[in-house]
N, C-alpha and C. Protein backbone atom coordinates (compact mmCIF):
# COMPACT_ATOMS: atom_id res chain seq x y z
N MET A 1 -13.13 12.59 -2.17
CA MET A 1 -11.91 11.59 -2.48
C MET A 1 -12.27 11.17 -3.95
N LYS A 2 -11.17 11.00 -4.63
CA LYS A 2 -11.22 10.38 -6.01
C LYS A 2 -10.92 9.09 -5.89
N LYS A 3 -11.39 8.16 -6.81
CA LYS A 3 -11.21 6.74 -6.70
C LYS A 3 -10.32 6.55 -8.01
N LEU A 4 -9.10 5.58 -7.71
CA LEU A 4 -8.39 5.44 -8.93
C LEU A 4 -8.06 3.90 -8.95
N GLN A 5 -7.92 3.21 -10.02
CA GLN A 5 -7.78 1.81 -10.02
C GLN A 5 -6.35 1.59 -10.83
N PHE A 6 -5.56 0.48 -10.53
CA PHE A 6 -4.39 0.15 -11.20
C PHE A 6 -4.44 -1.27 -11.21
N LYS A 7 -3.82 -1.81 -12.41
CA LYS A 7 -3.74 -3.23 -12.57
C LYS A 7 -2.35 -3.51 -13.14
N VAL A 8 -2.10 -4.72 -12.71
CA VAL A 8 -0.82 -5.44 -13.24
C VAL A 8 -1.09 -6.99 -13.30
N SER A 9 -0.42 -7.36 -14.68
CA SER A 9 -0.44 -8.95 -14.61
C SER A 9 0.90 -9.58 -14.49
N ILE A 10 1.00 -10.40 -13.75
CA ILE A 10 2.39 -10.85 -13.10
C ILE A 10 2.47 -12.53 -13.34
N ASN A 11 3.21 -12.82 -13.98
CA ASN A 11 3.55 -14.14 -14.23
C ASN A 11 4.23 -14.93 -13.04
N ALA A 12 3.44 -15.02 -12.16
CA ALA A 12 3.74 -15.91 -10.84
C ALA A 12 2.76 -16.09 -10.11
N PRO A 13 2.69 -17.20 -9.22
CA PRO A 13 1.53 -17.71 -8.51
C PRO A 13 1.23 -16.71 -7.48
N VAL A 14 0.06 -16.64 -7.17
CA VAL A 14 -0.73 -15.67 -6.17
C VAL A 14 -0.20 -15.67 -4.75
N THR A 15 0.28 -16.92 -4.52
CA THR A 15 0.98 -16.99 -3.11
C THR A 15 2.13 -16.31 -2.99
N LYS A 16 3.12 -16.31 -3.91
CA LYS A 16 4.10 -15.43 -3.96
C LYS A 16 4.02 -13.97 -4.19
N ILE A 17 2.92 -13.83 -5.01
CA ILE A 17 2.81 -12.32 -5.09
C ILE A 17 2.19 -11.58 -3.74
N TYR A 18 1.48 -12.17 -2.95
CA TYR A 18 0.96 -11.72 -1.85
C TYR A 18 1.86 -11.60 -0.70
N ASP A 19 2.64 -12.68 -0.75
CA ASP A 19 4.03 -12.66 0.33
C ASP A 19 4.78 -11.64 0.08
N PHE A 20 5.33 -11.27 -1.55
CA PHE A 20 6.08 -10.57 -1.55
C PHE A 20 5.73 -8.95 -1.47
N MET A 21 4.22 -8.83 -1.79
CA MET A 21 3.57 -7.55 -1.78
C MET A 21 3.62 -7.11 -0.30
N LEU A 22 3.16 -7.84 0.66
CA LEU A 22 2.79 -7.50 1.94
C LEU A 22 4.28 -7.64 2.73
N GLY A 23 5.25 -8.27 2.37
CA GLY A 23 6.48 -8.69 3.14
C GLY A 23 6.30 -9.74 4.17
N ILE A 24 5.27 -10.65 3.83
CA ILE A 24 4.98 -11.58 4.86
C ILE A 24 6.12 -12.26 5.50
N ASN A 25 6.92 -12.93 4.46
CA ASN A 25 8.07 -13.68 5.05
C ASN A 25 9.40 -12.72 5.07
N ASN A 26 9.54 -11.54 4.45
CA ASN A 26 10.50 -10.57 4.48
C ASN A 26 10.17 -9.43 4.07
N LYS A 27 10.01 -8.57 5.28
CA LYS A 27 9.95 -7.02 5.02
C LYS A 27 10.25 -6.23 3.96
N SER A 28 11.39 -6.73 3.58
CA SER A 28 12.46 -6.22 2.51
C SER A 28 11.71 -6.33 1.04
N THR A 29 10.82 -7.25 0.80
CA THR A 29 10.20 -7.17 -0.34
C THR A 29 9.06 -5.84 -0.45
N TYR A 30 8.47 -5.81 0.47
CA TYR A 30 7.32 -4.71 0.46
C TYR A 30 8.23 -3.27 0.37
N GLU A 31 9.38 -3.35 1.16
CA GLU A 31 9.95 -2.09 0.91
C GLU A 31 10.69 -1.75 -0.34
N GLN A 32 11.18 -2.82 -1.19
CA GLN A 32 11.49 -2.72 -2.55
C GLN A 32 10.39 -2.02 -3.32
N TRP A 33 9.35 -2.72 -3.53
CA TRP A 33 8.34 -2.05 -4.36
C TRP A 33 7.73 -0.80 -4.07
N THR A 34 7.53 -0.72 -2.78
CA THR A 34 6.99 0.80 -2.41
C THR A 34 7.97 1.86 -2.28
N SER A 35 9.24 1.23 -2.48
CA SER A 35 10.58 2.67 -2.61
C SER A 35 10.07 3.26 -3.58
N LEU A 36 9.44 3.19 -4.71
CA LEU A 36 9.06 3.74 -5.62
C LEU A 36 8.15 5.21 -5.24
N PHE A 37 7.66 5.02 -4.02
CA PHE A 37 6.87 6.29 -3.44
C PHE A 37 7.81 6.81 -2.46
N ASN A 38 8.57 6.15 -1.88
CA ASN A 38 9.52 6.90 -0.85
C ASN A 38 10.54 5.94 -0.74
N PRO A 39 11.99 6.19 -0.98
CA PRO A 39 12.98 5.28 -0.64
C PRO A 39 13.07 4.64 0.68
N THR A 40 12.51 5.34 1.69
CA THR A 40 12.65 4.74 3.03
C THR A 40 11.43 4.14 3.43
N SER A 41 10.49 3.84 2.34
CA SER A 41 8.97 3.45 2.67
C SER A 41 9.04 2.05 3.54
N THR A 42 8.23 1.65 4.56
CA THR A 42 8.11 0.74 5.48
C THR A 42 6.88 0.54 6.09
N TYR A 43 6.51 -0.31 7.15
CA TYR A 43 5.18 -0.27 7.76
C TYR A 43 5.82 -0.62 9.13
N GLU A 44 4.91 -0.54 10.31
CA GLU A 44 4.96 -0.95 11.35
C GLU A 44 3.45 -1.37 11.89
N GLY A 45 3.44 -2.93 12.28
CA GLY A 45 2.29 -3.38 12.57
C GLY A 45 2.16 -4.65 11.95
N SER A 46 0.88 -5.23 11.90
CA SER A 46 0.72 -6.46 11.37
C SER A 46 -0.41 -6.39 10.31
N TRP A 47 -0.43 -7.44 9.60
CA TRP A 47 -1.38 -7.39 8.42
C TRP A 47 -2.67 -8.02 8.99
N ASP A 48 -2.71 -8.27 10.20
CA ASP A 48 -4.07 -9.19 10.44
C ASP A 48 -5.18 -8.08 10.45
N LYS A 49 -6.16 -8.81 10.13
CA LYS A 49 -7.60 -7.94 10.24
C LYS A 49 -7.82 -7.14 11.45
N GLY A 50 -8.07 -5.94 11.48
CA GLY A 50 -8.55 -5.26 12.77
C GLY A 50 -7.32 -4.67 13.30
N ASN A 51 -6.13 -4.99 12.91
CA ASN A 51 -4.95 -4.37 13.36
C ASN A 51 -4.63 -2.94 12.91
N LYS A 52 -3.97 -2.15 13.80
CA LYS A 52 -3.44 -0.84 13.39
C LYS A 52 -1.98 -1.02 12.73
N MET A 53 -2.24 -0.13 11.51
CA MET A 53 -0.91 -0.31 10.95
C MET A 53 -0.28 1.04 10.45
N LEU A 54 1.18 1.62 10.63
CA LEU A 54 1.41 2.64 10.15
C LEU A 54 2.36 2.44 8.84
N PHE A 55 1.95 3.18 7.96
CA PHE A 55 2.79 3.17 6.50
C PHE A 55 3.38 4.47 6.43
N ILE A 56 4.92 4.25 6.67
CA ILE A 56 5.80 5.31 6.97
C ILE A 56 7.03 5.36 5.96
N GLY A 57 7.68 6.58 6.26
CA GLY A 57 8.93 6.75 5.55
C GLY A 57 9.64 7.84 6.27
N VAL A 58 10.73 8.24 5.78
CA VAL A 58 11.26 9.37 6.13
C VAL A 58 11.35 10.43 5.34
N ASP A 59 11.04 11.84 5.61
CA ASP A 59 10.98 12.65 4.54
C ASP A 59 12.25 13.64 4.47
N GLU A 60 12.44 14.48 3.59
CA GLU A 60 13.75 15.42 3.30
C GLU A 60 14.30 16.12 4.60
N LYS A 61 13.48 16.16 5.73
CA LYS A 61 13.85 16.79 6.74
C LYS A 61 14.17 15.57 7.70
N SER A 62 14.54 14.39 7.45
CA SER A 62 14.66 13.16 8.28
C SER A 62 13.84 12.97 9.34
N GLU A 63 12.35 13.34 9.02
CA GLU A 63 11.25 13.08 10.06
C GLU A 63 10.39 12.08 9.45
N LYS A 64 9.93 11.23 10.23
CA LYS A 64 8.90 10.19 9.97
C LYS A 64 7.75 10.60 9.74
N GLY A 65 7.26 10.37 8.43
CA GLY A 65 5.67 10.51 8.07
C GLY A 65 5.05 9.41 7.37
N GLY A 66 3.74 9.76 7.23
CA GLY A 66 2.95 8.58 6.50
C GLY A 66 1.52 8.71 6.81
N MET A 67 0.99 7.28 7.06
CA MET A 67 -0.53 7.12 7.11
C MET A 67 -0.69 6.36 8.16
N VAL A 68 -1.58 6.50 9.20
CA VAL A 68 -2.26 5.75 10.23
C VAL A 68 -3.32 4.92 9.75
N SER A 69 -3.25 3.75 9.85
CA SER A 69 -4.37 2.84 9.07
C SER A 69 -4.68 1.78 10.09
N ARG A 70 -5.62 0.92 9.47
CA ARG A 70 -5.98 -0.29 10.12
C ARG A 70 -6.38 -1.20 8.85
N ILE A 71 -6.11 -2.55 9.12
CA ILE A 71 -6.52 -3.66 8.26
C ILE A 71 -7.89 -4.04 8.54
N ALA A 72 -8.65 -3.59 7.46
CA ALA A 72 -10.01 -3.63 7.42
C ALA A 72 -10.41 -5.08 7.16
N GLU A 73 -9.76 -5.60 5.98
CA GLU A 73 -9.83 -7.10 5.89
C GLU A 73 -8.71 -7.67 5.26
N ASN A 74 -8.31 -8.83 5.48
CA ASN A 74 -7.11 -9.58 4.83
C ASN A 74 -7.60 -11.05 4.74
N ILE A 75 -7.86 -11.32 3.54
CA ILE A 75 -8.13 -12.86 3.00
C ILE A 75 -6.90 -13.30 2.34
N PRO A 76 -6.16 -13.83 2.99
CA PRO A 76 -4.81 -14.32 2.16
C PRO A 76 -5.08 -14.70 0.85
N ASN A 77 -4.09 -14.27 -0.13
CA ASN A 77 -4.04 -14.74 -1.55
C ASN A 77 -5.22 -14.16 -2.40
N GLN A 78 -6.17 -13.42 -1.70
CA GLN A 78 -7.36 -12.90 -2.31
C GLN A 78 -7.67 -11.49 -2.35
N PHE A 79 -7.56 -11.00 -1.16
CA PHE A 79 -8.16 -9.60 -0.79
C PHE A 79 -7.63 -9.10 0.38
N VAL A 80 -7.03 -7.62 0.23
CA VAL A 80 -6.46 -6.85 1.39
C VAL A 80 -7.21 -5.50 1.15
N SER A 81 -7.72 -5.17 2.31
CA SER A 81 -8.29 -3.84 2.33
C SER A 81 -7.82 -3.05 3.72
N ILE A 82 -7.26 -1.83 3.41
CA ILE A 82 -6.79 -1.04 4.40
C ILE A 82 -7.52 0.26 4.41
N GLN A 83 -7.80 0.98 5.52
CA GLN A 83 -8.48 2.00 5.81
C GLN A 83 -7.63 2.90 6.31
N HIS A 84 -7.44 4.02 5.61
CA HIS A 84 -6.72 5.05 6.43
C HIS A 84 -7.39 5.92 7.40
N TYR A 85 -6.96 6.32 8.44
CA TYR A 85 -7.88 7.14 9.28
C TYR A 85 -6.96 8.34 10.02
N GLY A 86 -5.73 8.51 9.63
CA GLY A 86 -4.86 9.63 10.23
C GLY A 86 -3.69 9.48 9.52
N LEU A 87 -2.82 10.59 9.98
CA LEU A 87 -1.31 10.63 9.41
C LEU A 87 -0.31 10.51 10.49
N VAL A 88 0.80 10.56 9.92
CA VAL A 88 1.93 10.44 10.96
C VAL A 88 2.71 11.79 10.36
N LYS A 89 3.24 12.71 11.34
CA LYS A 89 3.87 13.89 10.96
C LYS A 89 4.89 14.02 12.12
N ALA A 90 6.09 13.99 11.82
CA ALA A 90 7.31 14.22 12.65
C ALA A 90 6.95 13.28 13.87
N ASP A 91 7.01 12.12 13.50
CA ASP A 91 6.83 10.99 14.66
C ASP A 91 5.59 11.04 15.52
N LYS A 92 4.54 11.80 15.28
CA LYS A 92 3.44 12.10 15.91
C LYS A 92 2.17 11.53 15.09
N GLU A 93 1.19 10.91 15.67
CA GLU A 93 0.13 10.40 14.97
C GLU A 93 -1.07 11.35 15.04
N ILE A 94 -1.51 11.89 14.06
CA ILE A 94 -2.51 12.97 13.86
C ILE A 94 -3.97 12.09 13.48
N THR A 95 -4.91 12.03 14.29
CA THR A 95 -6.30 11.36 13.72
C THR A 95 -7.28 12.28 13.79
N ALA A 96 -7.22 13.64 14.00
CA ALA A 96 -8.36 14.37 13.88
C ALA A 96 -7.62 15.81 13.48
N GLY A 97 -8.64 16.39 12.90
CA GLY A 97 -8.30 17.85 12.35
C GLY A 97 -8.61 17.90 10.77
N PRO A 98 -8.34 19.07 10.23
CA PRO A 98 -8.74 19.40 8.81
C PRO A 98 -7.71 18.69 7.92
N GLU A 99 -6.43 18.43 8.31
CA GLU A 99 -5.40 17.76 7.29
C GLU A 99 -5.96 16.13 7.26
N VAL A 100 -6.55 15.77 8.52
CA VAL A 100 -6.87 14.19 8.51
C VAL A 100 -8.10 13.88 7.81
N GLU A 101 -9.19 14.98 7.94
CA GLU A 101 -10.54 14.79 7.34
C GLU A 101 -10.64 14.74 6.00
N LYS A 102 -9.57 15.11 5.30
CA LYS A 102 -9.80 15.05 3.89
C LYS A 102 -9.41 13.47 3.28
N TRP A 103 -8.49 12.66 4.34
CA TRP A 103 -8.23 11.40 4.20
C TRP A 103 -9.06 10.44 4.87
N ALA A 104 -9.83 11.03 5.90
CA ALA A 104 -10.64 10.01 6.72
C ALA A 104 -11.39 9.19 6.03
N ASN A 105 -11.27 7.64 6.18
CA ASN A 105 -11.93 6.62 5.74
C ASN A 105 -11.69 6.17 4.43
N GLY A 106 -10.63 6.80 3.99
CA GLY A 106 -10.07 6.40 2.71
C GLY A 106 -9.67 5.08 2.53
N PHE A 107 -9.98 4.25 1.51
CA PHE A 107 -9.59 3.01 1.61
C PHE A 107 -8.54 2.55 0.30
N GLU A 108 -7.70 1.67 0.62
CA GLU A 108 -6.82 1.05 -0.36
C GLU A 108 -6.92 -0.42 -0.60
N ASN A 109 -7.56 -0.92 -1.40
CA ASN A 109 -7.69 -2.24 -1.80
C ASN A 109 -7.17 -3.05 -2.76
N TYR A 110 -6.70 -4.14 -2.24
CA TYR A 110 -5.89 -4.92 -3.31
C TYR A 110 -6.51 -6.61 -3.41
N SER A 111 -6.80 -6.63 -4.80
CA SER A 111 -7.51 -7.93 -5.10
C SER A 111 -6.58 -8.77 -6.09
N PHE A 112 -6.41 -9.95 -5.78
CA PHE A 112 -5.61 -11.04 -6.51
C PHE A 112 -6.48 -11.98 -7.11
N GLU A 113 -6.00 -12.12 -8.28
CA GLU A 113 -6.85 -13.16 -9.22
C GLU A 113 -5.77 -13.88 -9.88
N GLU A 114 -5.66 -15.33 -9.90
CA GLU A 114 -4.77 -16.05 -10.41
C GLU A 114 -5.58 -16.98 -11.43
N ASN A 115 -4.89 -17.14 -12.51
CA ASN A 115 -5.49 -17.95 -13.56
C ASN A 115 -4.38 -18.66 -14.43
N ASN A 116 -4.15 -20.07 -14.39
CA ASN A 116 -3.16 -20.63 -15.17
C ASN A 116 -1.72 -19.88 -14.97
N GLY A 117 -1.33 -19.75 -13.92
CA GLY A 117 0.05 -19.13 -13.40
C GLY A 117 0.12 -17.75 -13.50
N THR A 118 -0.75 -16.98 -13.89
CA THR A 118 -0.68 -15.74 -14.13
C THR A 118 -1.60 -15.00 -13.08
N THR A 119 -1.32 -13.87 -12.47
CA THR A 119 -2.04 -13.33 -11.29
C THR A 119 -2.20 -11.88 -11.77
N ILE A 120 -3.42 -11.51 -11.84
CA ILE A 120 -3.86 -10.01 -11.88
C ILE A 120 -4.02 -9.36 -10.69
N VAL A 121 -3.25 -8.36 -10.22
CA VAL A 121 -3.25 -7.54 -9.04
C VAL A 121 -3.96 -6.17 -9.24
N THR A 122 -5.19 -6.06 -8.82
CA THR A 122 -5.93 -4.88 -8.94
C THR A 122 -5.97 -4.07 -7.48
N VAL A 123 -5.72 -2.92 -8.04
CA VAL A 123 -5.54 -1.80 -6.72
C VAL A 123 -6.56 -0.90 -6.68
N ASP A 124 -7.53 -0.95 -5.89
CA ASP A 124 -8.69 0.31 -5.85
C ASP A 124 -8.10 1.28 -4.78
N LEU A 125 -8.13 2.46 -4.91
CA LEU A 125 -7.49 3.49 -4.07
C LEU A 125 -8.34 4.83 -4.20
N ASP A 126 -8.60 4.98 -2.72
CA ASP A 126 -9.16 6.50 -2.60
C ASP A 126 -8.25 7.51 -2.21
N THR A 127 -8.13 8.53 -3.02
CA THR A 127 -7.17 9.60 -2.82
C THR A 127 -7.57 10.88 -2.97
N THR A 128 -6.80 11.94 -2.20
CA THR A 128 -7.32 13.29 -2.41
C THR A 128 -7.00 13.90 -3.55
N GLU A 129 -7.69 14.90 -4.05
CA GLU A 129 -7.36 15.49 -5.24
C GLU A 129 -6.15 16.15 -5.54
N ASP A 130 -5.43 16.21 -4.50
CA ASP A 130 -4.03 16.96 -4.49
C ASP A 130 -3.04 15.82 -4.63
N PHE A 131 -3.41 14.45 -4.63
CA PHE A 131 -2.50 13.44 -4.68
C PHE A 131 -2.90 12.53 -5.95
N VAL A 132 -3.70 12.96 -6.71
CA VAL A 132 -4.22 12.16 -7.71
C VAL A 132 -3.15 12.11 -8.90
N ASP A 133 -2.28 13.17 -9.02
CA ASP A 133 -1.24 12.97 -10.14
C ASP A 133 -0.04 12.28 -9.67
N TYR A 134 0.26 12.41 -8.24
CA TYR A 134 1.18 11.57 -7.67
C TYR A 134 1.08 10.05 -7.85
N MET A 135 -0.11 9.82 -7.48
CA MET A 135 -0.46 8.30 -7.52
C MET A 135 -0.42 7.82 -8.81
N ASN A 136 -1.13 8.48 -9.90
CA ASN A 136 -1.25 7.98 -11.29
C ASN A 136 0.29 8.07 -12.00
N GLN A 137 1.34 8.77 -11.26
CA GLN A 137 2.60 8.61 -11.75
C GLN A 137 3.35 7.65 -11.06
N HIS A 138 3.31 7.58 -9.86
CA HIS A 138 3.86 6.36 -8.99
C HIS A 138 3.39 5.27 -8.68
N PHE A 139 2.19 4.70 -8.83
CA PHE A 139 1.58 3.47 -8.50
C PHE A 139 1.94 2.49 -9.60
N PRO A 140 1.78 3.02 -10.98
CA PRO A 140 2.24 2.11 -12.12
C PRO A 140 3.74 1.45 -11.77
N LYS A 141 4.61 2.51 -11.77
CA LYS A 141 6.10 2.06 -11.58
C LYS A 141 6.27 1.19 -10.49
N ALA A 142 5.40 1.42 -9.29
CA ALA A 142 5.39 0.59 -7.98
C ALA A 142 4.99 -0.94 -8.41
N LEU A 143 3.94 -0.87 -9.06
CA LEU A 143 3.50 -2.38 -9.69
C LEU A 143 4.36 -2.87 -10.45
N ASP A 144 5.30 -2.10 -11.34
CA ASP A 144 6.10 -2.88 -12.50
C ASP A 144 7.27 -3.28 -11.67
N LYS A 145 7.47 -2.64 -10.52
CA LYS A 145 8.82 -3.06 -9.49
C LYS A 145 8.05 -4.34 -9.03
N LEU A 146 7.09 -4.20 -8.48
CA LEU A 146 6.54 -5.66 -8.01
C LEU A 146 6.71 -6.84 -8.85
N LYS A 147 6.22 -6.54 -10.19
CA LYS A 147 6.27 -7.63 -11.10
C LYS A 147 7.58 -8.07 -11.51
N GLU A 148 8.48 -7.25 -11.45
CA GLU A 148 9.81 -7.51 -11.53
C GLU A 148 10.35 -8.45 -10.52
N LEU A 149 10.05 -8.01 -9.34
CA LEU A 149 10.45 -8.96 -8.27
C LEU A 149 9.95 -10.35 -8.20
N CYS A 150 8.67 -10.34 -8.40
CA CYS A 150 7.84 -11.73 -8.32
C CYS A 150 8.19 -12.55 -9.72
N GLU A 151 8.79 -12.02 -10.60
CA GLU A 151 8.87 -12.79 -11.94
C GLU A 151 10.53 -13.31 -11.98
N LYS A 152 11.13 -12.92 -10.88
CA LYS A 152 12.62 -13.19 -10.85
C LYS A 152 12.78 -14.78 -10.52
């Protein structure tokens, strides 16, 4: 696993960014910023600590795919930790086997730090070697989209 980090400074209160990023009050705000990864990006589940979450989208074959995860930690407006432990392929959850093993126990962590009305969002991400370029290309654009949404 490779560790990547991305940061964005947003001129908005942390409460707004946390709500928009996770789609707490309106799932469409999550779907808007994550659409930079997949135009149909969404989630199924709850952001509560310990809960299972599916991060999914539809691929070019109109099949549902994505990650099977659990919320390892969620301290509102401070820190969210997502542990990935499986894949969704063609509507099936796969939690064992060679494809899953390279992702197993990978984390995606979000830290929020507000200072004088500006919030720094830091993303620490474990990814496989074959997704490093994809993440380096798409994550900054997605965070820019989040910034744009939150600063409106």
